[in-house]
């Protein structure tokens, strides 16, 4: 590059639209706005949890109740772990908890669908349960390891609230695997 080309390239990279940057609006928020956002996030999480639990109980009946028990154990473990480390609940942390709920329900749905397949093949209930859990384990394990890798990358490269999301998600994945594979199977 010539010096002129280098300056031109640097200019394009700094402002690719070649438009002057100007501040159109600037605002600030009070500390109570954060509290309201966290409260709204908690209400959204509780509403989503109720809807998901209602769906799995209606769709899967008794197995849905087992999934609900596993989900409650998952949440107790997660909240207990967060409390043990004096974790401050932020919006990204709430998002991590909500994603954990989704992961836990996903694991239960995988297990129950495998159980349906095993029962449709004519296996007795005990053999069908063993087959469902053993066949679903690899899928659940792969999904959660992938999530843990992503969470580790977020924790390593991010800062502040995003790091809190990664911590919550990591703890949630561990609780989810335990709840789905141990608690759900025991019930």
Protein backbone atom coordinates (compact mmCIF):
# COMPACT_ATOMS: atom_id res chain seq x y z
CA UNK A 1 0.00 0.00 0.00
CA UNK A 2 1.01 3.57 -0.57
CA UNK A 3 0.63 6.02 2.27
CA UNK A 4 -2.52 7.49 0.69
CA UNK A 5 -4.09 4.02 0.27
CA UNK A 6 -3.23 3.11 3.87
CA UNK A 7 -4.92 6.31 5.16
CA UNK A 8 -7.94 5.64 2.97
CA UNK A 9 -8.22 2.06 4.23
CA UNK A 10 -7.85 3.18 7.83
CA UNK A 11 -10.57 5.77 7.31
CA UNK A 12 -12.94 3.19 5.83
CA UNK A 13 -12.25 0.75 8.66
CA UNK A 14 -12.89 3.42 11.30
CA UNK A 15 -16.14 4.56 9.69
CA UNK A 16 -17.23 2.06 7.02
CA UNK A 17 -20.33 4.02 6.01
CA UNK A 18 -18.27 7.17 5.43
CA UNK A 19 -20.85 9.10 7.40
CA UNK A 20 -19.98 11.57 10.10
CA UNK A 21 -20.77 10.26 13.59
CA UNK A 22 -22.88 12.56 15.70
CA UNK A 23 -24.68 12.07 19.02
CA UNK A 24 -28.39 12.30 18.42
CA UNK A 25 -29.65 11.53 21.91
CA UNK A 26 -28.06 10.92 25.27
CA UNK A 27 -29.87 9.74 28.38
CA UNK A 28 -29.16 8.30 31.77
CA UNK A 29 -31.11 5.93 34.00
CA UNK A 30 -31.56 5.89 37.73
CA UNK A 31 -30.58 2.99 39.96
CA UNK A 32 -34.23 2.02 40.43
CA UNK A 33 -34.50 1.17 36.74
CA UNK A 34 -32.11 -1.74 37.26
CA UNK A 35 -34.23 -3.02 40.16
CA UNK A 36 -37.35 -2.79 38.02
CA UNK A 37 -35.63 -4.66 35.18
CA UNK A 38 -34.50 -7.45 37.52
CA UNK A 39 -38.00 -7.69 39.01
CA UNK A 40 -39.51 -7.86 35.52
CA UNK A 41 -36.97 -10.53 34.55
CA UNK A 42 -37.87 -12.62 37.59
CA UNK A 43 -41.59 -12.31 36.79
CA UNK A 44 -40.93 -13.30 33.17
CA UNK A 45 -38.90 -16.30 34.34
CA UNK A 46 -41.63 -17.41 36.74
CA UNK A 47 -44.29 -16.96 34.06
CA UNK A 48 -42.25 -18.96 31.57
CA UNK A 49 -41.62 -21.66 34.17
CA UNK A 50 -45.34 -21.98 34.90
CA UNK A 51 -46.15 -22.20 31.18
CA UNK A 52 -43.47 -24.81 30.53
CA UNK A 53 -44.43 -26.91 33.55
CA UNK A 54 -48.09 -26.70 32.56
CA UNK A 55 -47.25 -27.88 29.06
CA UNK A 56 -45.08 -30.83 30.11
CA UNK A 57 -47.59 -31.98 32.74
CA UNK A 58 -50.46 -31.82 30.24
CA UNK A 59 -48.48 -33.42 27.40
CA UNK A 60 -46.55 -36.09 29.34
CA UNK A 61 -48.92 -36.64 32.31
CA UNK A 62 -47.10 -38.62 35.03
CA UNK A 63 -43.76 -38.32 33.26
CA UNK A 64 -44.37 -34.57 33.19
CA UNK A 65 -44.72 -34.62 36.97
CA UNK A 66 -41.39 -36.45 37.18
CA UNK A 67 -39.85 -33.75 34.96
CA UNK A 68 -41.38 -31.11 37.23
CA UNK A 69 -39.77 -32.71 40.30
CA UNK A 70 -36.42 -32.87 38.47
CA UNK A 71 -36.84 -29.21 37.49
CA UNK A 72 -37.56 -28.19 41.09
CA UNK A 73 -34.45 -30.07 42.28
CA UNK A 74 -32.49 -28.38 39.49
CA UNK A 75 -33.66 -24.94 40.61
CA UNK A 76 -32.94 -25.69 44.28
CA UNK A 77 -29.40 -26.81 43.40
CA UNK A 78 -28.84 -23.79 41.18
CA UNK A 79 -30.19 -21.20 43.61
CA UNK A 80 -28.34 -22.92 46.46
CA UNK A 81 -25.09 -22.82 44.50
CA UNK A 82 -25.58 -19.17 43.65
CA UNK A 83 -26.31 -18.39 47.31
CA UNK A 84 -23.28 -20.38 48.44
CA UNK A 85 -21.01 -18.18 46.33
CA UNK A 86 -22.89 -14.95 47.27
CA UNK A 87 -23.80 -14.42 43.63
CA UNK A 88 -25.66 -11.18 42.88
CA UNK A 89 -28.69 -11.74 40.67
CA UNK A 90 -28.47 -9.57 37.54
CA UNK A 91 -30.41 -9.60 34.28
CA UNK A 92 -27.78 -11.78 32.55
CA UNK A 93 -27.88 -14.10 35.58
CA UNK A 94 -31.66 -14.36 35.26
CA UNK A 95 -31.20 -15.13 31.55
CA UNK A 96 -28.80 -17.92 32.54
CA UNK A 97 -31.39 -19.34 34.92
CA UNK A 98 -34.10 -19.20 32.25
CA UNK A 99 -31.78 -20.93 29.78
CA UNK A 100 -31.08 -23.56 32.44
CA UNK A 101 -34.81 -24.21 32.74
CA UNK A 102 -34.93 -24.72 28.99
CA UNK A 103 -31.97 -27.13 29.10
CA UNK A 104 -33.56 -29.12 31.92
CA UNK A 105 -36.88 -29.42 30.11
CA UNK A 106 -35.07 -30.33 26.89
CA UNK A 107 -33.30 -33.19 28.68
CA UNK A 108 -36.61 -34.45 30.10
CA UNK A 109 -38.32 -34.27 26.71
CA UNK A 110 -35.46 -36.24 25.10
CA UNK A 111 -35.76 -38.92 27.77
CA UNK A 112 -39.54 -39.13 27.53
CA UNK A 113 -39.55 -39.33 23.75
CA UNK A 114 -37.00 -42.14 23.92
CA UNK A 115 -39.23 -43.81 26.53
CA UNK A 116 -42.18 -43.61 24.14
CA UNK A 117 -40.10 -45.24 21.42
CA UNK A 118 -38.96 -48.00 23.77
CA UNK A 119 -42.52 -48.68 24.96
CA UNK A 120 -43.78 -48.68 21.36
CA UNK A 121 -41.17 -51.35 20.59
CA UNK A 122 -42.94 -53.57 23.13
CA UNK A 123 -40.40 -53.45 25.95
CA UNK A 124 -41.57 -53.71 29.57
CA UNK A 125 -41.51 -50.45 31.58
CA UNK A 126 -38.29 -51.12 33.51
CA UNK A 127 -36.37 -52.14 30.38
CA UNK A 128 -37.88 -49.20 28.47
CA UNK A 129 -36.74 -46.77 31.19
CA UNK A 130 -33.21 -48.17 31.15
CA UNK A 131 -33.11 -47.98 27.36
CA UNK A 132 -34.54 -44.46 27.28
CA UNK A 133 -32.02 -43.10 29.77
CA UNK A 134 -29.04 -44.86 28.18
CA UNK A 135 -29.97 -43.73 24.65
CA UNK A 136 -30.79 -40.16 25.69
CA UNK A 137 -27.62 -39.78 27.77
CA UNK A 138 -25.27 -39.25 24.83
CA UNK A 139 -27.48 -36.55 23.31
CA UNK A 140 -27.93 -34.79 26.66
CA UNK A 141 -24.21 -35.08 27.39
CA UNK A 142 -23.22 -33.66 23.99
CA UNK A 143 -25.63 -30.73 24.27
CA UNK A 144 -24.47 -29.84 27.75
CA UNK A 145 -20.76 -30.19 26.98
CA UNK A 146 -21.25 -27.86 24.01
CA UNK A 147 -23.03 -25.39 26.29
CA UNK A 148 -20.23 -25.67 28.86
CA UNK A 149 -17.59 -24.98 26.19
CA UNK A 150 -19.48 -21.89 25.07
CA UNK A 151 -19.93 -20.82 28.68
CA UNK A 152 -16.21 -21.26 29.34
CA UNK A 153 -15.34 -19.12 26.34
CA UNK A 154 -17.77 -16.44 27.52
CA UNK A 155 -16.29 -16.54 31.02
CA UNK A 156 -12.74 -16.29 29.72
CA UNK A 157 -13.25 -13.47 27.24
CA UNK A 158 -16.13 -11.51 28.72
CA UNK A 159 -16.33 -9.20 31.68
CA UNK A 160 -18.97 -7.93 34.07
CA UNK A 161 -22.54 -9.10 33.55
CA UNK A 162 -21.70 -11.47 30.70
CA UNK A 163 -19.30 -13.27 33.01
CA UNK A 164 -22.19 -13.59 35.48
CA UNK A 165 -24.29 -15.16 32.73
CA UNK A 166 -21.51 -17.68 32.07
CA UNK A 167 -21.22 -18.58 35.76
CA UNK A 168 -24.98 -19.02 36.14
CA UNK A 169 -25.18 -21.08 32.98
CA UNK A 170 -22.29 -23.33 34.04
CA UNK A 171 -23.84 -24.00 37.43
CA UNK A 172 -27.22 -24.52 35.77
CA UNK A 173 -25.85 -27.07 33.30
CA UNK A 174 -24.28 -29.08 36.12
CA UNK A 175 -27.52 -28.99 38.11
CA UNK A 176 -29.54 -29.84 35.00
CA UNK A 177 -27.53 -32.95 34.15
CA UNK A 178 -27.70 -34.14 37.75
CA UNK A 179 -31.43 -33.50 38.01
CA UNK A 180 -32.31 -35.11 34.67
CA UNK A 181 -30.11 -38.18 34.87
CA UNK A 182 -30.14 -38.94 38.61
CA UNK A 183 -33.26 -37.38 40.14
CA UNK A 184 -35.52 -38.04 37.14
CA UNK A 185 -34.38 -41.65 36.92
CA UNK A 186 -34.87 -42.21 40.65
CA UNK A 187 -38.42 -40.84 40.62
